[in-house]
N, C-alpha and C. Protein backbone atom coordinates (compact mmCIF):
# COMPACT_ATOMS: atom_id res chain seq x y z
N MET A 1 -32.24 28.62 6.80
CA MET A 1 -31.67 28.30 7.26
C MET A 1 -30.43 28.21 6.69
N LYS A 2 -28.99 28.20 6.78
CA LYS A 2 -27.86 28.06 6.02
C LYS A 2 -27.08 27.01 5.40
N LYS A 3 -26.93 27.09 4.39
CA LYS A 3 -26.93 25.82 3.72
C LYS A 3 -25.11 25.02 3.91
N HIS A 4 -25.01 24.55 3.58
CA HIS A 4 -23.60 23.75 3.86
C HIS A 4 -22.51 23.46 2.78
N HIS A 5 -21.76 23.98 2.35
CA HIS A 5 -20.74 24.19 1.32
C HIS A 5 -19.39 23.30 1.54
N ARG A 6 -19.47 22.22 1.10
CA ARG A 6 -18.43 21.10 0.70
C ARG A 6 -16.80 21.70 0.30
N ARG A 7 -16.06 22.00 1.12
CA ARG A 7 -14.84 22.29 -0.34
C ARG A 7 -14.18 21.02 -0.55
N HIS A 8 -13.74 21.24 -1.82
CA HIS A 8 -13.15 19.81 -2.30
C HIS A 8 -11.31 20.27 -2.55
N ASP A 9 -10.92 19.53 -2.40
CA ASP A 9 -9.30 19.56 -2.64
C ASP A 9 -9.36 19.27 -4.35
N LEU A 10 -8.18 19.91 -4.26
CA LEU A 10 -7.71 20.04 -5.57
C LEU A 10 -7.00 18.61 -6.55
N GLN A 11 -6.76 17.44 -5.76
CA GLN A 11 -6.78 16.19 -6.32
C GLN A 11 -8.23 16.04 -6.73
N PHE A 12 -9.47 16.41 -6.01
CA PHE A 12 -10.53 15.57 -6.42
C PHE A 12 -11.16 16.42 -7.72
N LYS A 13 -10.97 17.41 -7.32
CA LYS A 13 -10.99 18.57 -8.51
C LYS A 13 -10.68 18.28 -9.92
N CYS A 14 -9.37 17.94 -9.64
CA CYS A 14 -8.61 17.37 -11.33
C CYS A 14 -8.90 16.06 -11.31
N GLN A 15 -9.33 14.94 -10.67
CA GLN A 15 -9.64 13.94 -10.87
C GLN A 15 -11.25 13.71 -11.40
N ALA A 16 -11.53 14.54 -11.31
CA ALA A 16 -13.34 14.71 -11.50
C ALA A 16 -13.39 15.77 -13.05
N VAL A 17 -12.31 16.28 -13.25
CA VAL A 17 -11.87 17.50 -14.63
C VAL A 17 -11.82 15.92 -15.52
N THR A 18 -10.66 15.50 -15.30
CA THR A 18 -10.08 14.12 -15.94
C THR A 18 -11.50 13.43 -16.78
N LEU A 19 -11.81 12.70 -15.67
CA LEU A 19 -12.88 11.79 -15.37
C LEU A 19 -14.04 12.71 -16.99
N ALA A 20 -14.23 14.18 -16.34
CA ALA A 20 -15.89 14.55 -17.57
C ALA A 20 -15.00 14.72 -18.67
N ASN A 21 -13.44 15.18 -18.77
CA ASN A 21 -13.12 15.04 -20.04
C ASN A 21 -12.80 14.29 -20.71
N HIS A 22 -13.25 12.88 -20.26
CA HIS A 22 -13.33 11.76 -21.42
C HIS A 22 -14.48 11.65 -22.41
N PRO A 23 -14.26 11.28 -23.47
CA PRO A 23 -14.65 11.25 -24.58
C PRO A 23 -16.31 10.63 -24.35
N GLU A 24 -16.18 9.58 -23.81
CA GLU A 24 -17.23 8.90 -23.93
C GLU A 24 -18.01 9.17 -22.26
N ILE A 25 -17.93 9.33 -21.50
CA ILE A 25 -18.62 10.25 -20.33
C ILE A 25 -19.00 11.27 -20.36
N ARG A 26 -19.74 11.64 -19.94
CA ARG A 26 -21.25 12.76 -20.28
C ARG A 26 -20.40 13.75 -18.55
N THR A 27 -20.16 15.03 -18.88
CA THR A 27 -20.12 15.63 -17.29
C THR A 27 -20.98 15.73 -16.49
N GLN A 28 -22.53 15.56 -16.95
CA GLN A 28 -23.55 15.02 -16.05
C GLN A 28 -23.47 13.93 -15.14
N ASP A 29 -23.29 13.14 -16.24
CA ASP A 29 -23.46 11.84 -15.35
C ASP A 29 -21.93 11.89 -14.47
N VAL A 30 -20.91 12.65 -15.02
CA VAL A 30 -19.59 12.36 -13.52
C VAL A 30 -20.02 13.18 -12.46
N ALA A 31 -20.74 14.26 -12.67
CA ALA A 31 -21.20 15.24 -11.57
C ALA A 31 -22.05 14.77 -10.34
N ALA A 32 -22.89 13.64 -10.85
CA ALA A 32 -23.75 13.05 -10.21
C ALA A 32 -23.24 11.96 -9.32
N ALA A 33 -22.51 11.04 -9.99
CA ALA A 33 -21.62 10.14 -9.56
C ALA A 33 -21.00 11.03 -8.30
N LEU A 34 -20.34 11.92 -8.46
CA LEU A 34 -19.36 12.58 -7.05
C LEU A 34 -20.47 13.53 -6.46
N GLY A 35 -21.84 13.48 -6.85
CA GLY A 35 -22.56 14.24 -6.05
C GLY A 35 -21.99 15.73 -5.94
N ILE A 36 -21.98 16.13 -7.27
CA ILE A 36 -21.92 17.71 -6.88
C ILE A 36 -22.58 18.56 -8.71
N HIS A 37 -22.90 19.20 -8.43
CA HIS A 37 -23.61 20.30 -9.28
C HIS A 37 -22.63 20.04 -10.39
N PRO A 38 -23.73 19.66 -11.90
CA PRO A 38 -22.93 19.60 -13.22
C PRO A 38 -21.89 21.34 -13.39
N PHE A 39 -22.77 22.22 -12.95
CA PHE A 39 -22.06 23.76 -13.22
C PHE A 39 -20.89 23.89 -12.49
N MET A 40 -20.54 23.16 -11.34
CA MET A 40 -19.32 23.37 -10.76
C MET A 40 -17.99 22.72 -11.26
N LEU A 41 -18.51 21.35 -11.58
CA LEU A 41 -17.98 20.41 -12.73
C LEU A 41 -17.41 21.13 -14.00
N SER A 42 -18.27 21.75 -14.59
CA SER A 42 -17.73 22.42 -15.84
C SER A 42 -17.03 23.75 -15.34
N ARG A 43 -17.43 24.97 -14.34
CA ARG A 43 -16.32 25.67 -13.69
C ARG A 43 -15.07 24.84 -13.56
N TRP A 44 -15.14 23.86 -13.17
CA TRP A 44 -13.74 23.21 -12.53
C TRP A 44 -12.77 23.08 -13.92
N LYS A 45 -13.50 22.59 -15.10
CA LYS A 45 -13.30 22.48 -16.58
C LYS A 45 -13.05 23.70 -16.89
N LYS A 46 -13.11 24.39 -16.76
CA LYS A 46 -12.69 26.21 -17.34
C LYS A 46 -11.74 26.54 -17.35
N GLU A 47 -12.00 26.00 -15.52
CA GLU A 47 -10.20 26.52 -14.63
C GLU A 47 -9.05 25.90 -15.00
N MET A 48 -9.11 24.58 -15.44
CA MET A 48 -8.04 23.70 -15.75
C MET A 48 -7.91 24.09 -17.08
N ARG A 49 -8.59 24.28 -18.29
CA ARG A 49 -8.52 24.86 -19.30
C ARG A 49 -7.63 26.35 -19.35
N ASP A 50 -8.22 26.99 -18.18
CA ASP A 50 -7.53 28.40 -18.08
C ASP A 50 -6.12 28.39 -17.24
N GLY A 51 -5.82 27.32 -16.91
CA GLY A 51 -4.39 27.34 -16.33
C GLY A 51 -4.72 27.41 -14.57
N LYS A 52 -5.77 28.14 -14.32
CA LYS A 52 -5.87 28.06 -12.48
C LYS A 52 -6.06 26.78 -11.89
N LEU A 53 -6.45 25.53 -12.61
CA LEU A 53 -6.40 24.59 -11.90
C LEU A 53 -5.52 23.97 -12.57
N VAL A 54 -4.34 23.60 -11.68
CA VAL A 54 -3.16 22.68 -12.20
C VAL A 54 -2.70 22.22 -10.62
N MET A 55 -2.46 20.48 -11.37
CA MET A 55 -2.41 19.42 -10.26
C MET A 55 -0.50 19.82 -10.13
N ASP A 56 -0.20 19.63 -8.93
CA ASP A 56 1.07 19.73 -7.92
C ASP A 56 2.24 18.57 -8.74
N ARG A 57 2.69 18.94 -9.60
CA ARG A 57 3.79 18.00 -9.59
C ARG A 57 5.00 17.59 -8.98
N PRO A 58 5.44 16.51 -9.06
CA PRO A 58 6.53 16.72 -7.84
C PRO A 58 7.68 17.52 -8.21
N SER A 59 8.23 18.00 -7.58
CA SER A 59 9.09 19.03 -8.23
C SER A 59 10.52 17.69 -8.33
N LYS A 60 11.44 18.10 -9.32
CA LYS A 60 12.68 16.85 -9.48
C LYS A 60 13.56 16.89 -8.15
N ARG A 61 13.86 18.04 -7.55
CA ARG A 61 14.47 17.92 -5.95
C ARG A 61 13.92 16.61 -5.20
N ARG A 62 12.30 16.81 -5.16
CA ARG A 62 11.42 15.54 -4.55
C ARG A 62 11.58 14.09 -5.15
N LYS A 63 11.64 14.21 -6.52
CA LYS A 63 11.58 12.73 -7.18
C LYS A 63 13.70 12.02 -6.54
N ALA A 64 14.54 13.19 -6.55
CA ALA A 64 15.75 13.19 -6.32
C ALA A 64 15.74 12.71 -4.93
N ALA A 65 15.03 13.13 -3.81
CA ALA A 65 15.24 12.52 -2.85
C ALA A 65 14.33 11.51 -2.52
N THR A 66 13.56 11.29 -2.66
CA THR A 66 12.34 9.70 -3.33
C THR A 66 13.65 8.87 -3.35
N LEU A 67 14.34 9.02 -4.66
CA LEU A 67 14.82 8.09 -5.05
C LEU A 67 16.03 7.63 -4.81
N GLY A 68 16.73 8.72 -3.56
CA GLY A 68 18.36 8.68 -2.86
C GLY A 68 17.69 7.52 -1.69
N GLU A 69 16.08 7.71 -1.30
CA GLU A 69 15.70 7.15 0.35
C GLU A 69 15.21 5.52 -0.50
N ALA A 70 14.82 5.50 -1.86
CA ALA A 70 14.74 4.07 -2.47
C ALA A 70 16.24 3.50 -2.65
N ASP A 71 17.13 4.24 -3.01
CA ASP A 71 18.69 3.78 -2.77
C ASP A 71 18.86 2.83 -1.37
N LYS A 72 18.92 3.97 -0.28
CA LYS A 72 18.93 3.55 0.13
C LYS A 72 18.83 2.51 1.26
N ARG A 73 17.33 2.05 0.74
CA ARG A 73 16.30 1.40 1.43
C ARG A 73 16.94 -0.08 0.91
N ILE A 74 17.14 0.19 -0.52
CA ILE A 74 17.43 -1.16 -1.30
C ILE A 74 18.71 -1.55 -0.41
N ARG A 75 19.46 -0.83 -0.06
CA ARG A 75 20.99 -1.33 0.47
C ARG A 75 20.62 -1.82 1.39
N GLU A 76 20.09 -1.04 2.41
CA GLU A 76 19.66 -1.76 3.72
C GLU A 76 19.19 -2.80 3.46
N LEU A 77 18.24 -3.25 2.36
CA LEU A 77 17.42 -5.02 2.24
C LEU A 77 18.66 -5.91 1.79
N GLU A 78 19.52 -5.52 0.90
CA GLU A 78 20.44 -6.34 0.47
C GLU A 78 21.14 -6.50 1.42
N ARG A 79 21.70 -5.96 2.40
CA ARG A 79 22.57 -6.40 3.48
C ARG A 79 21.62 -7.23 4.40
N GLU A 80 20.50 -7.11 4.98
CA GLU A 80 19.81 -7.93 5.03
C GLU A 80 19.42 -9.60 5.51
N ASN A 81 19.07 -8.59 3.77
CA ASN A 81 19.28 -10.55 2.97
C ASN A 81 20.40 -11.15 2.83
N ALA A 82 21.35 -10.92 2.75
CA ALA A 82 22.91 -11.51 3.10
C ALA A 82 22.99 -12.14 4.09
N GLN A 83 22.33 -11.13 5.09
CA GLN A 83 23.14 -11.59 6.77
C GLN A 83 21.82 -13.03 6.60
N LEU A 84 20.65 -12.76 6.17
CA LEU A 84 19.99 -13.76 6.53
C LEU A 84 20.27 -14.96 5.22
N ARG A 85 20.87 -15.17 4.36
CA ARG A 85 21.44 -16.32 3.73
C ARG A 85 22.24 -17.01 4.72
N GLU A 86 23.41 -16.16 5.01
CA GLU A 86 24.68 -16.81 5.51
C GLU A 86 23.70 -17.51 6.83
N GLU A 87 22.87 -16.87 7.49
CA GLU A 87 22.20 -18.00 8.92
C GLU A 87 21.53 -18.69 8.45
N ASN A 88 20.67 -18.76 7.23
CA ASN A 88 20.14 -20.01 6.87
C ASN A 88 21.53 -21.04 6.14
N ASP A 89 21.84 -20.76 6.10
CA ASP A 89 23.17 -21.69 5.15
C ASP A 89 24.02 -22.50 6.39
N LEU A 90 24.47 -21.60 7.43
CA LEU A 90 24.29 -22.47 9.06
C LEU A 90 23.73 -23.05 9.71
N LEU A 91 22.50 -22.60 9.50
CA LEU A 91 21.11 -23.36 9.96
C LEU A 91 20.93 -24.71 9.12
N LYS A 92 21.17 -25.26 7.68
CA LYS A 92 21.11 -25.68 6.82
C LYS A 92 22.91 -27.04 7.68
N LYS A 93 23.57 -26.23 7.65
CA LYS A 93 24.66 -27.46 7.83
C LYS A 93 24.55 -27.96 9.36
N LEU A 94 24.00 -27.41 10.34
CA LEU A 94 24.05 -27.75 10.94
C LEU A 94 22.95 -28.91 11.33
N GLU A 95 21.95 -28.67 10.94
CA GLU A 95 20.30 -29.49 10.81
C GLU A 95 20.84 -30.92 11.02
N PRO A 96 21.78 -31.31 10.44
CA PRO A 96 21.75 -33.07 10.23
C PRO A 96 22.65 -33.27 11.89
N SER A 97 23.64 -32.89 12.29
CA SER A 97 24.02 -33.17 13.44
C SER A 97 23.28 -32.79 14.70
N VAL A 98 21.60 -32.18 14.57
CA VAL A 98 21.06 -32.16 15.64
C VAL A 98 19.90 -33.17 15.29
N SER A 99 20.02 -33.93 16.32
CA SER A 99 18.72 -34.97 16.10
C SER A 99 17.43 -34.31 16.57
N PRO A 100 16.67 -35.01 16.36
CA PRO A 100 15.35 -34.35 16.47
C PRO A 100 14.43 -35.24 18.00
N ARG A 101 14.29 -34.30 19.24
CA ARG A 101 13.70 -34.89 20.10
C ARG A 101 12.34 -35.92 19.78
N ARG A 102 12.82 -36.86 20.79
CA ARG A 102 11.61 -37.66 20.58
C ARG A 102 10.50 -37.56 21.75
N PRO A 103 8.97 -37.56 21.56
CA PRO A 103 8.49 -37.01 22.71
C PRO A 103 8.22 -38.05 23.81
N ARG A 104 8.56 -37.70 24.61
CA ARG A 104 8.38 -38.47 26.22
C ARG A 104 6.94 -38.90 26.36
N SER A 105 6.80 -40.03 27.17
CA SER A 105 5.57 -40.48 27.37
C SER A 105 5.05 -40.31 28.54
N SER A 106 3.77 -40.29 28.56
CA SER A 106 3.19 -39.67 30.19
C SER A 106 3.45 -40.70 31.09
N ARG A 107 3.51 -40.00 32.56
CA ARG A 107 3.02 -41.33 33.01
C ARG A 107 2.01 -42.15 33.24
N SER A 108 0.48 -41.45 33.42
CA SER A 108 -0.44 -42.01 32.64
C SER A 108 -0.67 -43.54 31.70
N SER A 109 0.12 -43.10 30.50
CA SER A 109 0.02 -44.29 29.54
C SER A 109 1.07 -44.90 29.87
N ARG A 110 2.06 -44.67 30.52
CA ARG A 110 2.71 -46.15 31.11
C ARG A 110 2.32 -47.09 32.33
N SER A 111 1.49 -46.44 32.88
CA SER A 111 0.48 -47.09 33.93
C SER A 111 -0.18 -48.19 33.06
N THR A 112 -1.02 -47.33 32.28
CA THR A 112 -2.33 -48.59 31.54
C THR A 112 -1.57 -49.59 30.83
N GLU A 113 -0.20 -49.57 30.19
CA GLU A 113 0.40 -50.09 29.37
C GLU A 113 0.80 -51.89 29.70
N GLY A 114 1.32 -51.19 30.79
CA GLY A 114 2.29 -52.66 31.83
C GLY A 114 1.43 -53.88 32.13
N GLY A 115 0.20 -53.43 32.38
CA GLY A 115 -0.47 -54.70 33.15
C GLY A 115 -1.68 -54.40 34.65
N SER A 116 -1.46 -55.29 35.68
CA SER A 116 -1.85 -54.82 36.84
C SER A 116 -1.20 -54.45 38.16
N LYS A 117 -2.01 -53.66 38.49
CA LYS A 117 -1.63 -52.62 40.03
C LYS A 117 -1.39 -53.91 41.11
């Protein structure tokens, strides 16, 4: 019977190594919790030490793009907020002039109130 080998992504491996490198947590406990063999986790730890297993860090260009997108979104939200504040102020000014509607009574309630037929 053929064994099924799971492939773990780089993020999973790096998080597992980070946990296993914690001074109060044993590698065997991390491996058991993640459902992997302790030897595999030890190999990932060695690869990390040797620089073969490296988490991709966002590049400065990507950070700048993200900040630019965030600035653009903030400006849009500030514009929308100003517009909503103006609308809200206008509605507050109009509120006293608009009288609330009184509910109309139904025919059935009028015919029973007034007496006999």
